[in-house]
Amino acid sequence: MTQWDGIYKSFLSGGSKWATLGEGIIEPFQAFMKSHSFLQKNALDIGCGNGKYLLFLKQLGFQLTGLDNSLTAIKVL
């Protein structure tokens, strides 16, 4: 089991929130994405965790690829 897999398993069992398990998408990222136009909308998120940021980008019309070494992370979202 990876360190992050352990963190996600702990969270699912009532443990503390870490990093991307916190509430919402950080405001500076939202503001940046909404204030810029992109000729190509492709995103690669390495270490995507629960995919929260990928879902945000999907709403903006991005084609997405997410990678994470925690098999438990996807269960969190």
PDB file of N, CA and C in Angstrom:
ATOM      1  N   MET A   1       0.844  -1.171   0.000  1.00  0.00           N
ATOM      2  CA  MET A   1       0.000   0.000   0.000  1.00  0.00           C
ATOM      3  C   MET A   1       0.894   1.241   0.000  1.00  0.00           C
ATOM      4  N   THR A   2       0.525   2.226  -0.826  1.00  0.00           N
ATOM      5  CA  THR A   2       1.273   3.483  -0.862  1.00  0.00           C
ATOM      6  C   THR A   2       0.883   4.367   0.319  1.00  0.00           C
ATOM      7  N   GLN A   3       1.688   5.393   0.575  1.00  0.00           N
ATOM      8  CA  GLN A   3       1.375   6.322   1.664  1.00  0.00           C
ATOM      9  C   GLN A   3       0.021   6.985   1.437  1.00  0.00           C
ATOM     10  N   TRP A   4      -0.221   7.433   0.217  1.00  0.00           N
ATOM     11  CA  TRP A   4      -1.495   8.106  -0.055  1.00  0.00           C
ATOM     12  C   TRP A   4      -2.665   7.145   0.010  1.00  0.00           C
ATOM     13  N   ASP A   5      -2.478   5.903  -0.374  1.00  0.00           N
ATOM     14  CA  ASP A   5      -3.563   4.936  -0.248  1.00  0.00           C
ATOM     15  C   ASP A   5      -3.946   4.797   1.227  1.00  0.00           C
ATOM     16  N   GLY A   6      -2.940   4.777   2.098  1.00  0.00           N
ATOM     17  CA  GLY A   6      -3.202   4.723   3.533  1.00  0.00           C
ATOM     18  C   GLY A   6      -3.955   5.955   4.020  1.00  0.00           C
ATOM     19  N   ILE A   7      -3.610   7.131   3.499  1.00  0.00           N
ATOM     20  CA  ILE A   7      -4.289   8.374   3.883  1.00  0.00           C
ATOM     21  C   ILE A   7      -5.754   8.322   3.457  1.00  0.00           C
ATOM     22  N   TYR A   8      -6.016   7.872   2.232  1.00  0.00           N
ATOM     23  CA  TYR A   8      -7.398   7.786   1.764  1.00  0.00           C
ATOM     24  C   TYR A   8      -8.183   6.733   2.543  1.00  0.00           C
ATOM     25  N   LYS A   9      -7.566   5.599   2.840  1.00  0.00           N
ATOM     26  CA  LYS A   9      -8.256   4.571   3.633  1.00  0.00           C
ATOM     27  C   LYS A   9      -8.578   5.093   5.022  1.00  0.00           C
ATOM     28  N   SER A  10      -7.658   5.820   5.621  1.00  0.00           N
ATOM     29  CA  SER A  10      -7.893   6.414   6.932  1.00  0.00           C
ATOM     30  C   SER A  10      -9.059   7.397   6.870  1.00  0.00           C
ATOM     31  N   PHE A  11      -9.089   8.231   5.821  1.00  0.00           N
ATOM     32  CA  PHE A  11     -10.173   9.197   5.661  1.00  0.00           C
ATOM     33  C   PHE A  11     -11.521   8.490   5.544  1.00  0.00           C
ATOM     34  N   LEU A  12     -11.573   7.432   4.753  1.00  0.00           N
ATOM     35  CA  LEU A  12     -12.823   6.690   4.587  1.00  0.00           C
ATOM     36  C   LEU A  12     -13.288   6.046   5.890  1.00  0.00           C
ATOM     37  N   SER A  13     -12.363   5.852   6.815  1.00  0.00           N
ATOM     38  CA  SER A  13     -12.696   5.264   8.113  1.00  0.00           C
ATOM     39  C   SER A  13     -12.918   6.335   9.185  1.00  0.00           C
ATOM     40  N   GLY A  14     -13.042   7.586   8.769  1.00  0.00           N
ATOM     41  CA  GLY A  14     -13.299   8.668   9.717  1.00  0.00           C
ATOM     42  C   GLY A  14     -12.089   9.488  10.094  1.00  0.00           C
ATOM     43  N   GLY A  15     -10.957   9.266   9.423  1.00  0.00           N
ATOM     44  CA  GLY A  15      -9.728  10.002   9.717  1.00  0.00           C
ATOM     45  C   GLY A  15      -9.742  11.425   9.191  1.00  0.00           C
ATOM     46  N   SER A  16      -8.634  12.105   9.381  1.00  0.00           N
ATOM     47  CA  SER A  16      -8.488  13.511   8.995  1.00  0.00           C
ATOM     48  C   SER A  16      -8.461  13.703   7.486  1.00  0.00           C
ATOM     49  N   LYS A  17      -8.828  14.925   7.058  1.00  0.00           N
ATOM     50  CA  LYS A  17      -8.722  15.318   5.649  1.00  0.00           C
ATOM     51  C   LYS A  17      -7.304  15.810   5.406  1.00  0.00           C
ATOM     52  N   TRP A  18      -6.729  15.436   4.285  1.00  0.00           N
ATOM     53  CA  TRP A  18      -5.408  15.892   3.862  1.00  0.00           C
ATOM     54  C   TRP A  18      -5.538  16.508   2.486  1.00  0.00           C
ATOM     55  N   ALA A  19      -4.755  17.496   2.197  1.00  0.00           N
ATOM     56  CA  ALA A  19      -4.572  18.067   0.851  1.00  0.00           C
ATOM     57  C   ALA A  19      -5.878  18.164   0.079  1.00  0.00           C
ATOM     58  N   THR A  20      -6.036  17.408  -0.990  1.00  0.00           N
ATOM     59  CA  THR A  20      -7.197  17.521  -1.872  1.00  0.00           C
ATOM     60  C   THR A  20      -8.481  17.014  -1.246  1.00  0.00           C
ATOM     61  N   LEU A  21      -8.398  16.423  -0.066  1.00  0.00           N
ATOM     62  CA  LEU A  21      -9.620  15.987   0.602  1.00  0.00           C
ATOM     63  C   LEU A  21     -10.333  17.160   1.266  1.00  0.00           C
ATOM     64  N   GLY A  22      -9.677  18.315   1.322  1.00  0.00           N
ATOM     65  CA  GLY A  22     -10.297  19.504   1.879  1.00  0.00           C
ATOM     66  C   GLY A  22     -11.466  19.964   1.016  1.00  0.00           C
ATOM     67  N   GLU A  23     -12.134  20.969   1.481  1.00  0.00           N
ATOM     68  CA  GLU A  23     -13.323  21.464   0.792  1.00  0.00           C
ATOM     69  C   GLU A  23     -12.982  22.215  -0.485  1.00  0.00           C
ATOM     70  N   GLY A  24     -13.723  21.964  -1.544  1.00  0.00           N
ATOM     71  CA  GLY A  24     -13.690  22.749  -2.763  1.00  0.00           C
ATOM     72  C   GLY A  24     -12.365  22.855  -3.510  1.00  0.00           C
ATOM     73  N   ILE A  25     -12.445  23.576  -4.614  1.00  0.00           N
ATOM     74  CA  ILE A  25     -11.297  23.879  -5.465  1.00  0.00           C
ATOM     75  C   ILE A  25     -10.750  25.231  -4.998  1.00  0.00           C
ATOM     76  N   ILE A  26      -9.441  25.353  -4.843  1.00  0.00           N
ATOM     77  CA  ILE A  26      -8.906  26.619  -4.334  1.00  0.00           C
ATOM     78  C   ILE A  26      -9.257  27.767  -5.277  1.00  0.00           C
ATOM     79  N   GLU A  27      -9.614  28.893  -4.695  1.00  0.00           N
ATOM     80  CA  GLU A  27     -10.107  30.046  -5.446  1.00  0.00           C
ATOM     81  C   GLU A  27      -9.118  30.587  -6.487  1.00  0.00           C
ATOM     82  N   PRO A  28      -7.813  30.697  -6.185  1.00  0.00           N
ATOM     83  CA  PRO A  28      -6.901  31.205  -7.230  1.00  0.00           C
ATOM     84  C   PRO A  28      -6.903  30.335  -8.496  1.00  0.00           C
ATOM     85  N   PHE A  29      -7.018  29.023  -8.338  1.00  0.00           N
ATOM     86  CA  PHE A  29      -7.072  28.131  -9.501  1.00  0.00           C
ATOM     87  C   PHE A  29      -8.368  28.356 -10.271  1.00  0.00           C
ATOM     88  N   GLN A  30      -9.473  28.462  -9.572  1.00  0.00           N
ATOM     89  CA  GLN A  30     -10.755  28.716 -10.241  1.00  0.00           C
ATOM     90  C   GLN A  30     -10.712  30.028 -11.018  1.00  0.00           C
ATOM     91  N   ALA A  31     -10.206  31.063 -10.371  1.00  0.00           N
ATOM     92  CA  ALA A  31     -10.151  32.375 -11.022  1.00  0.00           C
ATOM     93  C   ALA A  31      -9.254  32.341 -12.254  1.00  0.00           C
ATOM     94  N   PHE A  32      -8.097  31.700 -12.143  1.00  0.00           N
ATOM     95  CA  PHE A  32      -7.193  31.602 -13.285  1.00  0.00           C
ATOM     96  C   PHE A  32      -7.858  30.880 -14.450  1.00  0.00           C
ATOM     97  N   MET A  33      -8.467  29.731 -14.174  1.00  0.00           N
ATOM     98  CA  MET A  33      -9.065  28.941 -15.247  1.00  0.00           C
ATOM     99  C   MET A  33     -10.227  29.665 -15.916  1.00  0.00           C
ATOM    100  N   LYS A  34     -10.991  30.384 -15.133  1.00  0.00           N
ATOM    101  CA  LYS A  34     -12.159  31.068 -15.685  1.00  0.00           C
ATOM    102  C   LYS A  34     -11.802  32.373 -16.399  1.00  0.00           C
ATOM    103  N   SER A  35     -10.622  32.918 -16.126  1.00  0.00           N
ATOM    104  CA  SER A  35     -10.248  34.192 -16.738  1.00  0.00           C
ATOM    105  C   SER A  35      -9.371  34.030 -17.978  1.00  0.00           C
ATOM    106  N   HIS A  36      -9.060  32.815 -18.361  1.00  0.00           N
ATOM    107  CA  HIS A  36      -8.206  32.573 -19.525  1.00  0.00           C
ATOM    108  C   HIS A  36      -8.953  31.712 -20.543  1.00  0.00           C
ATOM    109  N   SER A  37      -8.661  31.969 -21.799  1.00  0.00           N
ATOM    110  CA  SER A  37      -9.194  31.090 -22.849  1.00  0.00           C
ATOM    111  C   SER A  37      -8.040  30.221 -23.341  1.00  0.00           C
ATOM    112  N   PHE A  38      -8.345  29.021 -23.684  1.00  0.00           N
ATOM    113  CA  PHE A  38      -7.330  28.059 -24.095  1.00  0.00           C
ATOM    114  C   PHE A  38      -7.658  27.559 -25.493  1.00  0.00           C
ATOM    115  N   LEU A  39      -6.656  27.563 -26.373  1.00  0.00           N
ATOM    116  CA  LEU A  39      -6.867  27.054 -27.725  1.00  0.00           C
ATOM    117  C   LEU A  39      -7.106  25.553 -27.710  1.00  0.00           C
ATOM    118  N   GLN A  40      -6.373  24.866 -26.859  1.00  0.00           N
ATOM    119  CA  GLN A  40      -6.570  23.428 -26.681  1.00  0.00           C
ATOM    120  C   GLN A  40      -6.912  23.174 -25.225  1.00  0.00           C
ATOM    121  N   LYS A  41      -7.874  22.311 -25.005  1.00  0.00           N
ATOM    122  CA  LYS A  41      -8.307  22.027 -23.645  1.00  0.00           C
ATOM    123  C   LYS A  41      -8.047  20.565 -23.315  1.00  0.00           C
ATOM    124  N   ASN A  42      -6.787  20.292 -23.005  1.00  0.00           N
ATOM    125  CA  ASN A  42      -6.360  18.959 -22.586  1.00  0.00           C
ATOM    126  C   ASN A  42      -5.655  19.104 -21.242  1.00  0.00           C
ATOM    127  N   ALA A  43      -5.954  18.210 -20.317  1.00  0.00           N
ATOM    128  CA  ALA A  43      -5.316  18.280 -19.003  1.00  0.00           C
ATOM    129  C   ALA A  43      -4.829  16.905 -18.591  1.00  0.00           C
ATOM    130  N   LEU A  44      -3.614  16.873 -18.056  1.00  0.00           N
ATOM    131  CA  LEU A  44      -3.042  15.671 -17.463  1.00  0.00           C
ATOM    132  C   LEU A  44      -2.775  15.998 -16.000  1.00  0.00           C
ATOM    133  N   ASP A  45      -3.428  15.293 -15.117  1.00  0.00           N
ATOM    134  CA  ASP A  45      -3.255  15.508 -13.674  1.00  0.00           C
ATOM    135  C   ASP A  45      -2.541  14.289 -13.105  1.00  0.00           C
ATOM    136  N   ILE A  46      -1.260  14.459 -12.802  1.00  0.00           N
ATOM    137  CA  ILE A  46      -0.461  13.377 -12.221  1.00  0.00           C
ATOM    138  C   ILE A  46      -0.576  13.497 -10.709  1.00  0.00           C
ATOM    139  N   GLY A  47      -1.107  12.462 -10.092  1.00  0.00           N
ATOM    140  CA  GLY A  47      -1.404  12.507  -8.669  1.00  0.00           C
ATOM    141  C   GLY A  47      -2.774  13.125  -8.437  1.00  0.00           C
ATOM    142  N   CYS A  48      -3.746  12.720  -9.252  1.00  0.00           N
ATOM    143  CA  CYS A  48      -5.069  13.354  -9.245  1.00  0.00           C
ATOM    144  C   CYS A  48      -5.902  13.038  -8.009  1.00  0.00           C
ATOM    145  N   GLY A  49      -5.464  12.076  -7.211  1.00  0.00           N
ATOM    146  CA  GLY A  49      -6.222  11.760  -5.999  1.00  0.00           C
ATOM    147  C   GLY A  49      -7.652  11.382  -6.306  1.00  0.00           C
ATOM    148  N   ASN A  50      -8.581  12.098  -5.687  1.00  0.00           N
ATOM    149  CA  ASN A  50      -9.992  11.769  -5.877  1.00  0.00           C
ATOM    150  C   ASN A  50     -10.585  12.365  -7.154  1.00  0.00           C
ATOM    151  N   GLY A  51      -9.800  13.082  -7.937  1.00  0.00           N
ATOM    152  CA  GLY A  51     -10.255  13.600  -9.226  1.00  0.00           C
ATOM    153  C   GLY A  51     -11.082  14.871  -9.160  1.00  0.00           C
ATOM    154  N   LYS A  52     -11.114  15.504  -8.010  1.00  0.00           N
ATOM    155  CA  LYS A  52     -11.932  16.704  -7.815  1.00  0.00           C
ATOM    156  C   LYS A  52     -11.568  17.807  -8.822  1.00  0.00           C
ATOM    157  N   TYR A  53     -10.282  18.003  -9.050  1.00  0.00           N
ATOM    158  CA  TYR A  53      -9.868  19.046  -9.999  1.00  0.00           C
ATOM    159  C   TYR A  53     -10.192  18.650 -11.440  1.00  0.00           C
ATOM    160  N   LEU A  54     -10.129  17.366 -11.740  1.00  0.00           N
ATOM    161  CA  LEU A  54     -10.486  16.910 -13.078  1.00  0.00           C
ATOM    162  C   LEU A  54     -11.967  17.158 -13.355  1.00  0.00           C
ATOM    163  N   LEU A  55     -12.808  16.939 -12.369  1.00  0.00           N
ATOM    164  CA  LEU A  55     -14.239  17.198 -12.554  1.00  0.00           C
ATOM    165  C   LEU A  55     -14.497  18.690 -12.793  1.00  0.00           C
ATOM    166  N   PHE A  56     -13.761  19.536 -12.090  1.00  0.00           N
ATOM    167  CA  PHE A  56     -13.879  20.979 -12.308  1.00  0.00           C
ATOM    168  C   PHE A  56     -13.490  21.330 -13.745  1.00  0.00           C
ATOM    169  N   LEU A  57     -12.367  20.782 -14.218  1.00  0.00           N
ATOM    170  CA  LEU A  57     -11.911  21.059 -15.585  1.00  0.00           C
ATOM    171  C   LEU A  57     -12.874  20.493 -16.627  1.00  0.00           C
ATOM    172  N   LYS A  58     -13.494  19.377 -16.333  1.00  0.00           N
ATOM    173  CA  LYS A  58     -14.468  18.793 -17.248  1.00  0.00           C
ATOM    174  C   LYS A  58     -15.629  19.763 -17.478  1.00  0.00           C
ATOM    175  N   GLN A  59     -16.045  20.443 -16.419  1.00  0.00           N
ATOM    176  CA  GLN A  59     -17.125  21.430 -16.546  1.00  0.00           C
ATOM    177  C   GLN A  59     -16.724  22.597 -17.442  1.00  0.00           C
ATOM    178  N   LEU A  60     -15.429  22.809 -17.602  1.00  0.00           N
ATOM    179  CA  LEU A  60     -14.932  23.873 -18.484  1.00  0.00           C
ATOM    180  C   LEU A  60     -14.622  23.363 -19.886  1.00  0.00           C
ATOM    181  N   GLY A  61     -14.956  22.100 -20.164  1.00  0.00           N
ATOM    182  CA  GLY A  61     -14.807  21.555 -21.507  1.00  0.00           C
ATOM    183  C   GLY A  61     -13.475  20.902 -21.812  1.00  0.00           C
ATOM    184  N   PHE A  62     -12.710  20.551 -20.804  1.00  0.00           N
ATOM    185  CA  PHE A  62     -11.402  19.928 -21.011  1.00  0.00           C
ATOM    186  C   PHE A  62     -11.523  18.431 -21.260  1.00  0.00           C
ATOM    187  N   GLN A  63     -10.606  17.912 -22.078  1.00  0.00           N
ATOM    188  CA  GLN A  63     -10.393  16.480 -22.226  1.00  0.00           C
ATOM    189  C   GLN A  63      -9.387  16.096 -21.140  1.00  0.00           C
ATOM    190  N   LEU A  64      -9.622  15.010 -20.439  1.00  0.00           N
ATOM    191  CA  LEU A  64      -8.883  14.755 -19.212  1.00  0.00           C
ATOM    192  C   LEU A  64      -8.189  13.398 -19.175  1.00  0.00           C
ATOM    193  N   THR A  65      -7.057  13.386 -18.478  1.00  0.00           N
ATOM    194  CA  THR A  65      -6.379  12.162 -18.100  1.00  0.00           C
ATOM    195  C   THR A  65      -5.890  12.354 -16.677  1.00  0.00           C
ATOM    196  N   GLY A  66      -6.216  11.412 -15.816  1.00  0.00           N
ATOM    197  CA  GLY A  66      -5.769  11.487 -14.430  1.00  0.00           C
ATOM    198  C   GLY A  66      -5.041  10.216 -14.041  1.00  0.00           C
ATOM    199  N   LEU A  67      -3.948  10.383 -13.297  1.00  0.00           N
ATOM    200  CA  LEU A  67      -3.157   9.248 -12.822  1.00  0.00           C
ATOM    201  C   LEU A  67      -2.951   9.377 -11.322  1.00  0.00           C
ATOM    202  N   ASP A  68      -3.062   8.270 -10.618  1.00  0.00           N
ATOM    203  CA  ASP A  68      -2.771   8.272  -9.188  1.00  0.00           C
ATOM    204  C   ASP A  68      -2.341   6.876  -8.784  1.00  0.00           C
ATOM    205  N   ASN A  69      -1.463   6.789  -7.775  1.00  0.00           N
ATOM    206  CA  ASN A  69      -1.009   5.472  -7.339  1.00  0.00           C
ATOM    207  C   ASN A  69      -1.851   4.927  -6.190  1.00  0.00           C
ATOM    208  N   SER A  70      -2.916   5.639  -5.803  1.00  0.00           N
ATOM    209  CA  SER A  70      -3.815   5.160  -4.763  1.00  0.00           C
ATOM    210  C   SER A  70      -5.076   4.583  -5.382  1.00  0.00           C
ATOM    211  N   LEU A  71      -5.273   3.293  -5.226  1.00  0.00           N
ATOM    212  CA  LEU A  71      -6.472   2.653  -5.737  1.00  0.00           C
ATOM    213  C   LEU A  71      -7.701   3.041  -4.928  1.00  0.00           C
ATOM    214  N   THR A  72      -7.509   3.523  -3.731  1.00  0.00           N
ATOM    215  CA  THR A  72      -8.613   3.914  -2.856  1.00  0.00           C
ATOM    216  C   THR A  72      -9.121   5.317  -3.162  1.00  0.00           C
ATOM    217  N   ALA A  73      -8.273   6.163  -3.737  1.00  0.00           N
ATOM    218  CA  ALA A  73      -8.611   7.579  -3.926  1.00  0.00           C
ATOM    219  C   ALA A  73      -9.917   7.778  -4.680  1.00  0.00           C
ATOM    220  N   ILE A  74     -10.176   7.008  -5.706  1.00  0.00           N
ATOM    221  CA  ILE A  74     -11.373   7.204  -6.539  1.00  0.00           C
ATOM    222  C   ILE A  74     -12.648   6.973  -5.733  1.00  0.00           C
ATOM    223  N   LYS A  75     -12.575   6.194  -4.680  1.00  0.00           N
ATOM    224  CA  LYS A  75     -13.755   5.914  -3.849  1.00  0.00           C
ATOM    225  C   LYS A  75     -14.168   7.116  -3.015  1.00  0.00           C
ATOM    226  N   VAL A  76     -13.281   8.061  -2.855  1.00  0.00           N
ATOM    227  CA  VAL A  76     -13.510   9.179  -1.950  1.00  0.00           C
ATOM    228  C   VAL A  76     -14.464  10.205  -2.541  1.00  0.00           C
ATOM    229  N   LEU A  77     -14.404  10.458  -3.828  1.00  0.00           N
ATOM    230  CA  LEU A  77     -15.216  11.499  -4.448  1.00  0.00           C
ATOM    231  C   LEU A  77     -16.622  11.083  -4.522  1.00  0.00           C
TER     232      LEU A  77
END
